[in-house]
């Protein structure tokens, strides 16, 4: 068991918006209920999939509070609390702890691309800010830089650093971390297409985009992989793969929000600079969902909203 207990299928929750641009609290509640009903093991609000760059701090706190309240302790809630300003990341981490979150997901500082020593000092400061589990988040494609495995392993020795969400898109760094990690340090896949393979290598679970819309199916795949039922996990992986691929035809969370709207769970509303998907993406998402027998409702119009509205 990891020292945080974070294991299994985690959903990187989208943040639903109304056509007027506000956080859609009713839709967020429906989405959390849908996840819990389908047995997910963890919830990750306010991350990149939740369009965190467009959330004001007050909105961030409201989304986190609503998810924590709706989950009611049924599963761990790990709140996205990263920033490319260490001081801001520290403040968000302190606030997440006060809200009662089970952990924070702390993305590597983006754009300023620190040295490896800078990553270490950044996360050391975050981990010392509050008594809360810190999950590192390595996603070089979005941040412009990456946390090297040797830096991850140094950080893993710190008491407050509980796990890493590894989304480098490669099995090599995951393998290095898994080979040398200290006891209790968790490794969660951040790449849906690689989740089953990484769990077969020894990872503890996944933080998934696809499980927003297909939580039950994704959980069955992860559970099979964790139990060592590799042939079953492989079969489920290939069944899910067209949907996974469709979800990454355009920047996340655009495709998955379009599908959630087709399912009637949310309005299809995006905050600029994100805009609705192209027709070919929407068609691919719909076709993959229909193949998996995901129930869809009538077409809904889409909205682009300005976060300042």
C-alpha atoms as a PDB file:
ATOM      1  CA  UNK A   1       0.000   0.000   0.000  1.00  0.00           C
ATOM      2  CA  UNK A   2       1.213   3.489  -0.790  1.00  0.00           C
ATOM      3  CA  UNK A   3       1.779   5.844   2.126  1.00  0.00           C
ATOM      4  CA  UNK A   4      -1.109   7.977   0.835  1.00  0.00           C
ATOM      5  CA  UNK A   5      -3.456   5.091   0.063  1.00  0.00           C
ATOM      6  CA  UNK A   6      -3.993   6.532  -3.425  1.00  0.00           C
ATOM      7  CA  UNK A   7      -4.562   3.476  -5.569  1.00  0.00           C
ATOM      8  CA  UNK A   8      -6.848   2.391  -8.387  1.00  0.00           C
ATOM      9  CA  UNK A   9      -8.840   4.569 -10.773  1.00  0.00           C
ATOM     10  CA  UNK A  10      -8.818   8.306 -10.247  1.00  0.00           C
ATOM     11  CA  UNK A  11     -10.817  10.657 -12.439  1.00  0.00           C
ATOM     12  CA  UNK A  12      -9.358  14.003 -13.452  1.00  0.00           C
ATOM     13  CA  UNK A  13     -12.681  15.802 -13.232  1.00  0.00           C
ATOM     14  CA  UNK A  14     -13.762  18.367 -15.796  1.00  0.00           C
ATOM     15  CA  UNK A  15     -15.207  21.636 -14.507  1.00  0.00           C
ATOM     16  CA  UNK A  16     -18.690  22.157 -15.997  1.00  0.00           C
ATOM     17  CA  UNK A  17     -19.624  25.722 -16.930  1.00  0.00           C
ATOM     18  CA  UNK A  18     -22.963  27.314 -17.721  1.00  0.00           C
ATOM     19  CA  UNK A  19     -23.574  29.134 -20.991  1.00  0.00           C
ATOM     20  CA  UNK A  20     -23.177  32.330 -18.973  1.00  0.00           C
ATOM     21  CA  UNK A  21     -19.651  31.385 -17.944  1.00  0.00           C
ATOM     22  CA  UNK A  22     -20.177  30.439 -14.290  1.00  0.00           C
ATOM     23  CA  UNK A  23     -19.188  27.159 -12.699  1.00  0.00           C
ATOM     24  CA  UNK A  24     -22.193  24.855 -13.122  1.00  0.00           C
ATOM     25  CA  UNK A  25     -22.544  23.563  -9.591  1.00  0.00           C
ATOM     26  CA  UNK A  26     -25.516  21.311 -10.335  1.00  0.00           C
ATOM     27  CA  UNK A  27     -23.682  19.632 -13.215  1.00  0.00           C
ATOM     28  CA  UNK A  28     -20.567  19.212 -11.078  1.00  0.00           C
ATOM     29  CA  UNK A  29     -22.659  17.420  -8.471  1.00  0.00           C
ATOM     30  CA  UNK A  30     -24.137  15.120 -11.139  1.00  0.00           C
ATOM     31  CA  UNK A  31     -20.677  14.318 -12.423  1.00  0.00           C
ATOM     32  CA  UNK A  32     -19.389  13.421  -8.953  1.00  0.00           C
ATOM     33  CA  UNK A  33     -22.455  11.235  -8.355  1.00  0.00           C
ATOM     34  CA  UNK A  34     -21.856   9.498 -11.699  1.00  0.00           C
ATOM     35  CA  UNK A  35     -18.261   8.761 -10.741  1.00  0.00           C
ATOM     36  CA  UNK A  36     -19.169   7.395  -7.316  1.00  0.00           C
ATOM     37  CA  UNK A  37     -22.004   5.276  -8.706  1.00  0.00           C
ATOM     38  CA  UNK A  38     -19.519   3.649 -11.077  1.00  0.00           C
ATOM     39  CA  UNK A  39     -17.025   2.878  -8.355  1.00  0.00           C
ATOM     40  CA  UNK A  40     -14.039   5.137  -9.051  1.00  0.00           C
ATOM     41  CA  UNK A  41     -11.433   5.103  -6.300  1.00  0.00           C
ATOM     42  CA  UNK A  42     -10.278   8.752  -6.304  1.00  0.00           C
ATOM     43  CA  UNK A  43     -11.389  12.168  -7.550  1.00  0.00           C
ATOM     44  CA  UNK A  44      -9.024  14.858  -8.841  1.00  0.00           C
ATOM     45  CA  UNK A  45     -10.809  18.215  -9.268  1.00  0.00           C
ATOM     46  CA  UNK A  46      -9.181  21.507 -10.293  1.00  0.00           C
ATOM     47  CA  UNK A  47      -6.465  20.007 -12.485  1.00  0.00           C
ATOM     48  CA  UNK A  48      -5.665  20.711 -16.122  1.00  0.00           C
ATOM     49  CA  UNK A  49      -8.695  18.656 -17.182  1.00  0.00           C
ATOM     50  CA  UNK A  50     -10.698  20.958 -14.907  1.00  0.00           C
ATOM     51  CA  UNK A  51      -9.437  23.986 -16.864  1.00  0.00           C
ATOM     52  CA  UNK A  52      -7.579  25.175 -13.776  1.00  0.00           C
ATOM     53  CA  UNK A  53      -5.692  27.936 -15.635  1.00  0.00           C
ATOM     54  CA  UNK A  54      -9.021  29.746 -16.101  1.00  0.00           C
ATOM     55  CA  UNK A  55     -10.328  29.285 -12.560  1.00  0.00           C
ATOM     56  CA  UNK A  56     -10.091  32.266 -10.246  1.00  0.00           C
ATOM     57  CA  UNK A  57      -8.930  31.354  -6.740  1.00  0.00           C
ATOM     58  CA  UNK A  58     -12.449  31.791  -5.384  1.00  0.00           C
ATOM     59  CA  UNK A  59     -13.845  29.481  -8.049  1.00  0.00           C
ATOM     60  CA  UNK A  60     -11.045  26.981  -7.365  1.00  0.00           C
ATOM     61  CA  UNK A  61     -12.020  26.894  -3.696  1.00  0.00           C
ATOM     62  CA  UNK A  62     -15.718  26.534  -4.494  1.00  0.00           C
ATOM     63  CA  UNK A  63     -15.132  23.628  -6.917  1.00  0.00           C
ATOM     64  CA  UNK A  64     -12.882  21.865  -4.425  1.00  0.00           C
ATOM     65  CA  UNK A  65     -15.386  22.385  -1.607  1.00  0.00           C
ATOM     66  CA  UNK A  66     -18.304  21.101  -3.671  1.00  0.00           C
ATOM     67  CA  UNK A  67     -16.477  17.947  -4.716  1.00  0.00           C
ATOM     68  CA  UNK A  68     -15.358  17.265  -1.146  1.00  0.00           C
ATOM     69  CA  UNK A  69     -18.898  17.790   0.141  1.00  0.00           C
ATOM     70  CA  UNK A  70     -20.511  15.645  -2.552  1.00  0.00           C
ATOM     71  CA  UNK A  71     -17.953  12.835  -2.158  1.00  0.00           C
ATOM     72  CA  UNK A  72     -18.632  12.843   1.582  1.00  0.00           C
ATOM     73  CA  UNK A  73     -15.496  10.879   2.391  1.00  0.00           C
ATOM     74  CA  UNK A  74     -16.477   7.959   0.166  1.00  0.00           C
ATOM     75  CA  UNK A  75     -13.247   8.285  -1.827  1.00  0.00           C
ATOM     76  CA  UNK A  76     -10.103  10.389  -1.490  1.00  0.00           C
ATOM     77  CA  UNK A  77     -10.278  13.822  -3.106  1.00  0.00           C
ATOM     78  CA  UNK A  78      -6.951  15.154  -4.352  1.00  0.00           C
ATOM     79  CA  UNK A  79      -7.232  18.789  -5.394  1.00  0.00           C
ATOM     80  CA  UNK A  80      -5.154  20.347  -8.153  1.00  0.00           C
ATOM     81  CA  UNK A  81      -3.068  23.000  -6.399  1.00  0.00           C
ATOM     82  CA  UNK A  82      -0.090  23.598  -8.637  1.00  0.00           C
ATOM     83  CA  UNK A  83       1.408  26.818  -9.932  1.00  0.00           C
ATOM     84  CA  UNK A  84       4.549  28.076 -11.605  1.00  0.00           C
ATOM     85  CA  UNK A  85       4.873  30.426  -8.649  1.00  0.00           C
ATOM     86  CA  UNK A  86       6.094  28.505  -5.613  1.00  0.00           C
ATOM     87  CA  UNK A  87       4.476  31.012  -3.273  1.00  0.00           C
ATOM     88  CA  UNK A  88       1.104  30.578  -5.005  1.00  0.00           C
ATOM     89  CA  UNK A  89       1.419  26.775  -4.963  1.00  0.00           C
ATOM     90  CA  UNK A  90       2.145  26.961  -1.239  1.00  0.00           C
ATOM     91  CA  UNK A  91      -0.945  29.116  -0.615  1.00  0.00           C
ATOM     92  CA  UNK A  92      -3.183  26.768  -2.604  1.00  0.00           C
ATOM     93  CA  UNK A  93      -1.777  23.767  -0.741  1.00  0.00           C
ATOM     94  CA  UNK A  94      -2.474  25.423   2.606  1.00  0.00           C
ATOM     95  CA  UNK A  95      -6.037  26.212   1.504  1.00  0.00           C
ATOM     96  CA  UNK A  96      -6.616  22.661   0.277  1.00  0.00           C
ATOM     97  CA  UNK A  97      -5.520  21.348   3.669  1.00  0.00           C
ATOM     98  CA  UNK A  98      -7.923  23.704   5.442  1.00  0.00           C
ATOM     99  CA  UNK A  99     -10.756  22.507   3.203  1.00  0.00           C
ATOM    100  CA  UNK A 100     -10.100  18.922   4.274  1.00  0.00           C
ATOM    101  CA  UNK A 101      -8.715  17.574   0.996  1.00  0.00           C
ATOM    102  CA  UNK A 102      -6.974  14.210   1.162  1.00  0.00           C
ATOM    103  CA  UNK A 103      -4.124  15.475  -0.963  1.00  0.00           C
ATOM    104  CA  UNK A 104      -3.006  17.965  -3.573  1.00  0.00           C
ATOM    105  CA  UNK A 105      -1.943  17.341  -7.146  1.00  0.00           C
ATOM    106  CA  UNK A 106       0.947  19.720  -7.779  1.00  0.00           C
ATOM    107  CA  UNK A 107       1.936  20.208 -11.409  1.00  0.00           C
ATOM    108  CA  UNK A 108       5.546  20.938 -12.287  1.00  0.00           C
ATOM    109  CA  UNK A 109       6.136  24.680 -12.700  1.00  0.00           C
ATOM    110  CA  UNK A 110       5.232  25.569 -16.261  1.00  0.00           C
ATOM    111  CA  UNK A 111       6.797  28.077 -18.641  1.00  0.00           C
ATOM    112  CA  UNK A 112       9.655  29.117 -16.329  1.00  0.00           C
ATOM    113  CA  UNK A 113      11.211  25.640 -16.779  1.00  0.00           C
ATOM    114  CA  UNK A 114      13.313  25.386 -13.597  1.00  0.00           C
ATOM    115  CA  UNK A 115      16.484  23.379 -13.210  1.00  0.00           C
ATOM    116  CA  UNK A 116      16.194  20.031 -11.455  1.00  0.00           C
ATOM    117  CA  UNK A 117      17.355  21.698  -8.257  1.00  0.00           C
ATOM    118  CA  UNK A 118      14.534  24.201  -8.699  1.00  0.00           C
ATOM    119  CA  UNK A 119      11.970  21.413  -8.960  1.00  0.00           C
ATOM    120  CA  UNK A 120      13.334  19.905  -5.768  1.00  0.00           C
ATOM    121  CA  UNK A 121      13.210  23.168  -3.790  1.00  0.00           C
ATOM    122  CA  UNK A 122       9.764  24.024  -5.181  1.00  0.00           C
ATOM    123  CA  UNK A 123       8.259  20.732  -4.061  1.00  0.00           C
ATOM    124  CA  UNK A 124      10.133  20.770  -0.764  1.00  0.00           C
ATOM    125  CA  UNK A 125       8.488  24.119   0.008  1.00  0.00           C
ATOM    126  CA  UNK A 126       5.062  22.806  -1.032  1.00  0.00           C
ATOM    127  CA  UNK A 127       5.436  19.649   1.050  1.00  0.00           C
ATOM    128  CA  UNK A 128       6.386  21.667   4.119  1.00  0.00           C
ATOM    129  CA  UNK A 129       3.491  24.093   3.742  1.00  0.00           C
ATOM    130  CA  UNK A 130       0.793  21.905   5.271  1.00  0.00           C
ATOM    131  CA  UNK A 131       0.106  18.465   6.692  1.00  0.00           C
ATOM    132  CA  UNK A 132      -1.314  17.043   3.476  1.00  0.00           C
ATOM    133  CA  UNK A 133      -0.209  14.406   0.967  1.00  0.00           C
ATOM    134  CA  UNK A 134       1.461  15.916  -2.108  1.00  0.00           C
ATOM    135  CA  UNK A 135       1.203  14.153  -5.471  1.00  0.00           C
ATOM    136  CA  UNK A 136       3.823  15.347  -7.933  1.00  0.00           C
ATOM    137  CA  UNK A 137       2.596  15.827 -11.502  1.00  0.00           C
ATOM    138  CA  UNK A 138       5.073  15.423 -14.339  1.00  0.00           C
ATOM    139  CA  UNK A 139       3.581  16.430 -17.694  1.00  0.00           C
ATOM    140  CA  UNK A 140       6.343  17.837 -19.924  1.00  0.00           C
ATOM    141  CA  UNK A 141       4.078  18.308 -22.954  1.00  0.00           C
ATOM    142  CA  UNK A 142       2.120  20.951 -21.048  1.00  0.00           C
ATOM    143  CA  UNK A 143       4.794  22.477 -18.825  1.00  0.00           C
ATOM    144  CA  UNK A 144       7.717  22.801 -21.232  1.00  0.00           C
ATOM    145  CA  UNK A 145      10.011  20.989 -18.816  1.00  0.00           C
ATOM    146  CA  UNK A 146      10.064  17.769 -16.863  1.00  0.00           C
ATOM    147  CA  UNK A 147      10.891  16.259 -13.489  1.00  0.00           C
ATOM    148  CA  UNK A 148      13.691  13.763 -14.096  1.00  0.00           C
ATOM    149  CA  UNK A 149      13.347  10.334 -12.449  1.00  0.00           C
ATOM    150  CA  UNK A 150      16.345  10.968 -10.208  1.00  0.00           C
ATOM    151  CA  UNK A 151      14.691  14.164  -8.935  1.00  0.00           C
ATOM    152  CA  UNK A 152      11.432  12.316  -8.354  1.00  0.00           C
ATOM    153  CA  UNK A 153      13.299   9.719  -6.326  1.00  0.00           C
ATOM    154  CA  UNK A 154      14.989  12.424  -4.223  1.00  0.00           C
ATOM    155  CA  UNK A 155      11.600  13.984  -3.576  1.00  0.00           C
ATOM    156  CA  UNK A 156      10.088  10.596  -2.735  1.00  0.00           C
ATOM    157  CA  UNK A 157      12.252  10.517   0.379  1.00  0.00           C
ATOM    158  CA  UNK A 158      10.520  13.608   1.792  1.00  0.00           C
ATOM    159  CA  UNK A 159       7.741  12.725   4.258  1.00  0.00           C
ATOM    160  CA  UNK A 160       5.042  14.856   2.627  1.00  0.00           C
ATOM    161  CA  UNK A 161       5.609  13.653  -0.931  1.00  0.00           C
ATOM    162  CA  UNK A 162       3.239  10.714  -1.334  1.00  0.00           C
ATOM    163  CA  UNK A 163       3.123   9.854  -5.034  1.00  0.00           C
ATOM    164  CA  UNK A 164       3.631  11.008  -8.587  1.00  0.00           C
ATOM    165  CA  UNK A 165       1.255  11.283 -11.508  1.00  0.00           C
ATOM    166  CA  UNK A 166       3.611  10.425 -14.372  1.00  0.00           C
ATOM    167  CA  UNK A 167       2.423  11.772 -17.720  1.00  0.00           C
ATOM    168  CA  UNK A 168       5.632  11.941 -19.704  1.00  0.00           C
ATOM    169  CA  UNK A 169       4.166   9.727 -22.440  1.00  0.00           C
ATOM    170  CA  UNK A 170       6.994   7.226 -22.084  1.00  0.00           C
ATOM    171  CA  UNK A 171       7.431   3.989 -20.157  1.00  0.00           C
ATOM    172  CA  UNK A 172      11.129   4.632 -19.530  1.00  0.00           C
ATOM    173  CA  UNK A 173      10.857   7.180 -16.672  1.00  0.00           C
ATOM    174  CA  UNK A 174       8.032   5.185 -15.111  1.00  0.00           C
ATOM    175  CA  UNK A 175      10.233   2.103 -15.111  1.00  0.00           C
ATOM    176  CA  UNK A 176      13.127   3.974 -13.509  1.00  0.00           C
ATOM    177  CA  UNK A 177      10.909   5.314 -10.751  1.00  0.00           C
ATOM    178  CA  UNK A 178       9.276   1.945 -10.127  1.00  0.00           C
ATOM    179  CA  UNK A 179      12.637   0.162  -9.973  1.00  0.00           C
ATOM    180  CA  UNK A 180      14.084   2.489  -7.346  1.00  0.00           C
ATOM    181  CA  UNK A 181      11.148   4.018  -5.436  1.00  0.00           C
ATOM    182  CA  UNK A 182      11.199   3.863  -1.647  1.00  0.00           C
ATOM    183  CA  UNK A 183       8.535   1.811   0.143  1.00  0.00           C
ATOM    184  CA  UNK A 184       5.127   3.448   0.112  1.00  0.00           C
ATOM    185  CA  UNK A 185       5.784   5.957  -2.669  1.00  0.00           C
ATOM    186  CA  UNK A 186       2.907   5.763  -5.132  1.00  0.00           C
ATOM    187  CA  UNK A 187       3.140   5.866  -8.909  1.00  0.00           C
ATOM    188  CA  UNK A 188      -0.011   6.776 -10.855  1.00  0.00           C
ATOM    189  CA  UNK A 189      -0.194   6.773 -14.629  1.00  0.00           C
ATOM    190  CA  UNK A 190      -1.151  10.097 -16.150  1.00  0.00           C
ATOM    191  CA  UNK A 191      -1.435   8.697 -19.668  1.00  0.00           C
ATOM    192  CA  UNK A 192      -4.669   6.835 -20.426  1.00  0.00           C
ATOM    193  CA  UNK A 193      -3.171   4.900 -23.384  1.00  0.00           C
ATOM    194  CA  UNK A 194      -0.348   3.600 -21.176  1.00  0.00           C
ATOM    195  CA  UNK A 195      -2.298   2.974 -17.964  1.00  0.00           C
ATOM    196  CA  UNK A 196      -2.685  -0.808 -18.244  1.00  0.00           C
ATOM    197  CA  UNK A 197       0.942  -1.251 -19.318  1.00  0.00           C
ATOM    198  CA  UNK A 198       2.258   0.899 -16.471  1.00  0.00           C
ATOM    199  CA  UNK A 199       0.158  -0.944 -13.908  1.00  0.00           C
ATOM    200  CA  UNK A 200       1.489  -4.236 -15.282  1.00  0.00           C
ATOM    201  CA  UNK A 201       4.981  -2.798 -14.623  1.00  0.00           C
ATOM    202  CA  UNK A 202       4.017  -2.106 -11.004  1.00  0.00           C
ATOM    203  CA  UNK A 203       2.254   1.258 -10.970  1.00  0.00           C
ATOM    204  CA  UNK A 204      -0.537   1.743  -8.450  1.00  0.00           C
ATOM    205  CA  UNK A 205      -3.273   3.178 -10.640  1.00  0.00           C
ATOM    206  CA  UNK A 206      -4.199   6.013 -12.956  1.00  0.00           C
ATOM    207  CA  UNK A 207      -5.480   9.569 -13.031  1.00  0.00           C
ATOM    208  CA  UNK A 208      -7.719   9.353 -16.075  1.00  0.00           C
ATOM    209  CA  UNK A 209      -9.453  11.726 -18.469  1.00  0.00           C
ATOM    210  CA  UNK A 210     -11.461   8.965 -20.152  1.00  0.00           C
ATOM    211  CA  UNK A 211     -13.039   7.859 -16.878  1.00  0.00           C
ATOM    212  CA  UNK A 212     -15.058  11.095 -16.801  1.00  0.00           C
ATOM    213  CA  UNK A 213     -17.312   9.511 -19.418  1.00  0.00           C
ATOM    214  CA  UNK A 214     -16.561   5.795 -18.993  1.00  0.00           C
ATOM    215  CA  UNK A 215     -15.740   5.343 -15.302  1.00  0.00           C
ATOM    216  CA  UNK A 216     -17.060   1.807 -14.953  1.00  0.00           C
ATOM    217  CA  UNK A 217     -15.256   0.418 -17.985  1.00  0.00           C
ATOM    218  CA  UNK A 218     -12.014   2.161 -17.127  1.00  0.00           C
ATOM    219  CA  UNK A 219     -12.160   0.928 -13.546  1.00  0.00           C
ATOM    220  CA  UNK A 220     -12.698  -2.656 -14.712  1.00  0.00           C
ATOM    221  CA  UNK A 221      -9.548  -2.409 -16.820  1.00  0.00           C
ATOM    222  CA  UNK A 222      -7.504  -0.933 -13.976  1.00  0.00           C
ATOM    223  CA  UNK A 223      -8.807  -3.442 -11.433  1.00  0.00           C
ATOM    224  CA  UNK A 224      -7.944  -6.326 -13.749  1.00  0.00           C
ATOM    225  CA  UNK A 225      -4.430  -4.980 -14.264  1.00  0.00           C
ATOM    226  CA  UNK A 226      -3.909  -4.440 -10.526  1.00  0.00           C
ATOM    227  CA  UNK A 227      -5.087  -7.989  -9.828  1.00  0.00           C
ATOM    228  CA  UNK A 228      -2.656  -9.418 -12.371  1.00  0.00           C
ATOM    229  CA  UNK A 229      -5.386 -10.470 -14.791  1.00  0.00           C
ATOM    230  CA  UNK A 230      -3.342  -9.234 -17.700  1.00  0.00           C
ATOM    231  CA  UNK A 231      -5.257 -10.873 -20.553  1.00  0.00           C
ATOM    232  CA  UNK A 232      -8.507  -9.366 -19.238  1.00  0.00           C
ATOM    233  CA  UNK A 233      -6.887  -5.957 -18.806  1.00  0.00           C
ATOM    234  CA  UNK A 234      -5.471  -6.158 -22.322  1.00  0.00           C
ATOM    235  CA  UNK A 235      -8.874  -6.982 -23.803  1.00  0.00           C
ATOM    236  CA  UNK A 236     -10.493  -4.070 -21.947  1.00  0.00           C
ATOM    237  CA  UNK A 237      -7.666  -1.756 -22.986  1.00  0.00           C
ATOM    238  CA  UNK A 238      -8.261  -2.481 -26.661  1.00  0.00           C
ATOM    239  CA  UNK A 239     -12.015  -2.014 -26.250  1.00  0.00           C
ATOM    240  CA  UNK A 240     -11.432   1.401 -24.690  1.00  0.00           C
ATOM    241  CA  UNK A 241      -8.616   2.468 -26.984  1.00  0.00           C
ATOM    242  CA  UNK A 242     -10.741   4.144 -29.720  1.00  0.00           C
ATOM    243  CA  UNK A 243     -12.432   6.299 -27.058  1.00  0.00           C
ATOM    244  CA  UNK A 244      -9.088   7.098 -25.429  1.00  0.00           C
ATOM    245  CA  UNK A 245      -7.615   8.081 -28.782  1.00  0.00           C
ATOM    246  CA  UNK A 246     -10.627  10.241 -29.632  1.00  0.00           C
ATOM    247  CA  UNK A 247     -10.234  12.085 -26.333  1.00  0.00           C
ATOM    248  CA  UNK A 248      -6.775  13.250 -27.335  1.00  0.00           C
ATOM    249  CA  UNK A 249      -7.438  14.280 -30.933  1.00  0.00           C
ATOM    250  CA  UNK A 250      -7.592  17.840 -29.635  1.00  0.00           C
ATOM    251  CA  UNK A 251      -6.363  19.429 -26.399  1.00  0.00           C
ATOM    252  CA  UNK A 252      -7.859  17.969 -23.242  1.00  0.00           C
ATOM    253  CA  UNK A 253     -10.593  18.521 -21.982  1.00  0.00           C
ATOM    254  CA  UNK A 254     -12.276  19.614 -25.215  1.00  0.00           C
ATOM    255  CA  UNK A 255     -13.226  16.154 -26.583  1.00  0.00           C
ATOM    256  CA  UNK A 256     -14.298  14.681 -23.244  1.00  0.00           C
ATOM    257  CA  UNK A 257     -16.477  17.701 -22.447  1.00  0.00           C
ATOM    258  CA  UNK A 258     -18.181  17.281 -25.814  1.00  0.00           C
ATOM    259  CA  UNK A 259     -18.957  13.656 -24.945  1.00  0.00           C
ATOM    260  CA  UNK A 260     -20.202  14.493 -21.442  1.00  0.00           C
ATOM    261  CA  UNK A 261     -22.588  16.956 -23.078  1.00  0.00           C
ATOM    262  CA  UNK A 262     -23.753  14.248 -25.494  1.00  0.00           C
ATOM    263  CA  UNK A 263     -24.443  12.126 -22.412  1.00  0.00           C
ATOM    264  CA  UNK A 264     -26.551  14.886 -20.876  1.00  0.00           C
ATOM    265  CA  UNK A 265     -24.302  15.309 -17.836  1.00  0.00           C
ATOM    266  CA  UNK A 266     -23.056  18.845 -18.544  1.00  0.00           C
ATOM    267  CA  UNK A 267     -23.586  21.765 -20.904  1.00  0.00           C
ATOM    268  CA  UNK A 268     -20.995  21.929 -23.640  1.00  0.00           C
ATOM    269  CA  UNK A 269     -19.276  25.124 -22.526  1.00  0.00           C
ATOM    270  CA  UNK A 270     -15.574  25.943 -22.703  1.00  0.00           C
ATOM    271  CA  UNK A 271     -13.589  28.853 -21.369  1.00  0.00           C
ATOM    272  CA  UNK A 272     -11.344  30.690 -23.756  1.00  0.00           C
ATOM    273  CA  UNK A 273      -8.768  30.054 -25.048  1.00  0.00           C
ATOM    274  CA  UNK A 274     -10.342  26.599 -25.531  1.00  0.00           C
ATOM    275  CA  UNK A 275     -12.985  26.320 -28.242  1.00  0.00           C
ATOM    276  CA  UNK A 276     -15.332  23.494 -29.335  1.00  0.00           C
ATOM    277  CA  UNK A 277     -13.894  20.496 -31.187  1.00  0.00           C
ATOM    278  CA  UNK A 278     -13.826  20.064 -34.927  1.00  0.00           C
ATOM    279  CA  UNK A 279     -16.538  17.956 -36.537  1.00  0.00           C
ATOM    280  CA  UNK A 280     -14.166  15.036 -37.136  1.00  0.00           C
ATOM    281  CA  UNK A 281     -13.276  14.929 -33.431  1.00  0.00           C
ATOM    282  CA  UNK A 282     -16.887  15.109 -32.361  1.00  0.00           C
ATOM    283  CA  UNK A 283     -17.779  12.308 -34.797  1.00  0.00           C
ATOM    284  CA  UNK A 284     -14.921  10.117 -33.546  1.00  0.00           C
ATOM    285  CA  UNK A 285     -15.938  10.647 -29.928  1.00  0.00           C
ATOM    286  CA  UNK A 286     -19.577   9.857 -30.704  1.00  0.00           C
ATOM    287  CA  UNK A 287     -18.717   6.736 -32.699  1.00  0.00           C
ATOM    288  CA  UNK A 288     -16.398   5.400 -29.981  1.00  0.00           C
ATOM    289  CA  UNK A 289     -19.044   6.053 -27.330  1.00  0.00           C
ATOM    290  CA  UNK A 290     -21.729   4.293 -29.338  1.00  0.00           C
ATOM    291  CA  UNK A 291     -19.442   1.291 -29.834  1.00  0.00           C
ATOM    292  CA  UNK A 292     -19.088   1.059 -26.047  1.00  0.00           C
ATOM    293  CA  UNK A 293     -22.884   1.434 -25.645  1.00  0.00           C
ATOM    294  CA  UNK A 294     -22.513   4.691 -23.704  1.00  0.00           C
ATOM    295  CA  UNK A 295     -26.032   6.214 -23.628  1.00  0.00           C
ATOM    296  CA  UNK A 296     -26.239   9.511 -25.524  1.00  0.00           C
ATOM    297  CA  UNK A 297     -28.972  12.135 -25.601  1.00  0.00           C
ATOM    298  CA  UNK A 298     -30.024  14.513 -28.339  1.00  0.00           C
ATOM    299  CA  UNK A 299     -27.447  16.936 -29.708  1.00  0.00           C
ATOM    300  CA  UNK A 300     -26.902  20.058 -27.636  1.00  0.00           C
ATOM    301  CA  UNK A 301     -25.485  23.378 -28.775  1.00  0.00           C
ATOM    302  CA  UNK A 302     -22.013  24.337 -27.601  1.00  0.00           C
ATOM    303  CA  UNK A 303     -20.829  27.530 -25.991  1.00  0.00           C
ATOM    304  CA  UNK A 304     -17.544  29.365 -25.693  1.00  0.00           C
ATOM    305  CA  UNK A 305     -17.402  31.570 -22.635  1.00  0.00           C
ATOM    306  CA  UNK A 306     -14.946  34.177 -21.438  1.00  0.00           C
ATOM    307  CA  UNK A 307     -13.710  33.541 -17.891  1.00  0.00           C
ATOM    308  CA  UNK A 308     -14.238  37.249 -17.137  1.00  0.00           C
ATOM    309  CA  UNK A 309     -17.992  36.986 -17.720  1.00  0.00           C
END
